Amino acid sequence: MIGYVVEVAQAALALYDVDVLGLDRLDRAVLEALVTRFGGGPVGVSTLAVAVGEEPNTVEEVCEPFLVRAGLLARTPRGRVATEAAWRHLGQPLPRGGLPLGGGSVLPLADGSTEPLFDA
């Protein structure tokens, strides 16, 4: 009986294109755009929404909370940033020079300075 329930649940998740982490098509589209089009960020929510063909409110209120809780996306003062877990989940190689979220609490800037990653 349990095997049947698992089969039915897996079929339902496949029907709705939900992956092993619980991401649906829109969640993956947001992550893929962030990683492939914007190099992992930072990028503003409006720009990210346009890239996936959604309204900014939909991305901010539907996708972001789940992606943040899953540890795949971080909201920073400069915009949204993909975490290492996001790159790995998408099967993408990590960028040269590391990630903006390389385990520290600052965002490296082009001029060599840094900026706090999260508001205190």
Protein backbone atom coordinates (compact mmCIF):
# COMPACT_ATOMS: atom_id res chain seq x y z
CA MET A 1 0.00 0.00 0.00
CA ILE A 2 2.78 2.47 0.92
CA GLY A 3 4.58 1.79 -2.37
CA TYR A 4 1.41 2.70 -4.26
CA VAL A 5 1.03 5.97 -2.35
CA VAL A 6 4.65 6.90 -3.12
CA GLU A 7 4.08 6.09 -6.80
CA VAL A 8 0.98 8.27 -6.94
CA ALA A 9 2.74 11.13 -5.15
CA GLN A 10 5.71 10.92 -7.53
CA ALA A 11 3.39 10.90 -10.54
CA ALA A 12 1.53 13.96 -9.25
CA LEU A 13 4.77 15.85 -8.66
CA ALA A 14 6.01 14.92 -12.13
CA LEU A 15 2.72 16.08 -13.64
CA TYR A 16 3.20 19.52 -12.08
CA ASP A 17 6.94 19.51 -12.91
CA VAL A 18 8.03 19.69 -9.27
CA ASP A 19 11.62 18.58 -8.68
CA VAL A 20 13.26 16.83 -5.72
CA LEU A 21 13.69 20.11 -3.80
CA GLY A 22 10.07 21.09 -4.37
CA LEU A 23 10.80 23.69 -7.03
CA ASP A 24 8.20 24.15 -9.74
CA ARG A 25 8.66 25.57 -13.24
CA LEU A 26 8.53 29.20 -12.11
CA ASP A 27 10.97 28.66 -9.22
CA ARG A 28 13.44 27.03 -11.60
CA ALA A 29 12.92 29.74 -14.24
CA VAL A 30 13.79 32.42 -11.66
CA LEU A 31 16.90 30.54 -10.54
CA GLU A 32 18.00 29.75 -14.08
CA ALA A 33 17.61 33.38 -15.15
CA LEU A 34 19.51 34.57 -12.09
CA VAL A 35 22.37 32.13 -12.69
CA THR A 36 22.62 32.02 -16.50
CA ARG A 37 21.52 35.50 -17.56
CA PHE A 38 22.79 37.52 -14.64
CA GLY A 39 25.81 35.53 -13.49
CA GLY A 40 24.29 34.82 -10.10
CA GLY A 41 23.42 38.43 -9.33
CA PRO A 42 22.94 40.77 -7.70
CA VAL A 43 19.90 41.68 -9.78
CA GLY A 44 16.73 43.61 -8.97
CA VAL A 45 13.41 41.84 -8.63
CA SER A 46 11.84 43.82 -11.50
CA THR A 47 14.63 42.83 -13.89
CA LEU A 48 14.40 39.23 -12.77
CA ALA A 49 10.62 39.24 -13.23
CA VAL A 50 10.91 40.57 -16.79
CA ALA A 51 13.48 37.87 -17.57
CA VAL A 52 10.96 35.13 -16.65
CA GLY A 53 7.86 36.87 -18.00
CA GLU A 54 6.17 37.39 -14.66
CA GLU A 55 5.03 40.34 -12.60
CA PRO A 56 7.51 41.55 -9.95
CA ASN A 57 4.92 40.92 -7.22
CA THR A 58 4.57 37.28 -8.30
CA VAL A 59 8.32 36.71 -8.12
CA GLU A 60 8.61 38.57 -4.82
CA GLU A 61 5.59 37.07 -3.09
CA VAL A 62 5.35 33.57 -4.60
CA CYS A 63 8.85 32.41 -5.60
CA GLU A 64 11.23 34.31 -3.35
CA PRO A 65 10.01 33.15 0.07
CA PHE A 66 10.41 29.49 -0.90
CA LEU A 67 13.77 30.00 -2.63
CA VAL A 68 15.13 31.94 0.35
CA ARG A 69 13.95 29.30 2.85
CA ALA A 70 15.46 26.59 0.66
CA GLY A 71 18.81 28.39 0.77
CA LEU A 72 18.90 28.91 -3.00
CA LEU A 73 18.48 32.69 -3.12
CA ALA A 74 19.48 35.58 -0.90
CA ARG A 75 17.97 39.05 -0.81
CA THR A 76 20.66 41.68 -0.44
CA PRO A 77 20.57 45.50 -0.45
CA ARG A 78 21.87 45.39 -4.04
CA GLY A 79 19.46 42.73 -5.32
CA ARG A 80 18.83 39.01 -5.46
CA VAL A 81 21.84 36.67 -5.41
CA ALA A 82 22.02 32.95 -6.18
CA THR A 83 23.69 30.87 -3.50
CA GLU A 84 26.15 28.05 -4.12
CA ALA A 85 23.30 25.61 -3.53
CA ALA A 86 21.38 27.18 -6.43
CA TRP A 87 24.30 26.77 -8.82
CA ARG A 88 24.75 23.17 -7.74
CA HIS A 89 21.04 22.34 -7.97
CA LEU A 90 20.95 23.64 -11.54
CA GLY A 91 24.08 21.65 -12.40
CA GLN A 92 25.96 24.82 -13.32
CA PRO A 93 29.68 25.25 -12.72
CA LEU A 94 30.49 27.81 -10.06
CA PRO A 95 31.76 31.10 -11.52
CA ARG A 96 35.45 31.90 -11.56
CA GLY A 97 36.47 33.96 -8.58
CA GLY A 98 33.75 32.50 -6.39
CA LEU A 99 30.27 33.62 -5.55
CA PRO A 100 29.10 36.89 -4.04
CA LEU A 101 27.79 34.70 -1.21
CA GLY A 102 31.06 32.87 -0.71
CA GLY A 103 30.39 32.29 2.94
CA GLY A 104 31.16 35.80 4.10
CA SER A 105 28.79 38.56 5.09
CA VAL A 106 30.00 41.12 2.56
CA LEU A 107 29.51 41.55 -1.17
CA PRO A 108 32.72 42.18 -3.14
CA LEU A 109 32.42 45.17 -5.49
CA ALA A 110 34.19 45.79 -8.80
CA ASP A 111 36.48 48.44 -7.29
CA GLY A 112 37.81 45.96 -4.73
CA SER A 113 35.80 47.34 -1.83
CA THR A 114 33.01 45.43 -0.09
CA GLU A 115 29.47 46.14 0.95
CA PRO A 116 27.44 44.47 3.74
CA LEU A 117 25.38 41.67 2.28
CA PHE A 118 22.44 41.96 4.63
CA ASP A 119 20.90 44.93 6.38
CA ALA A 120 21.79 44.85 10.07
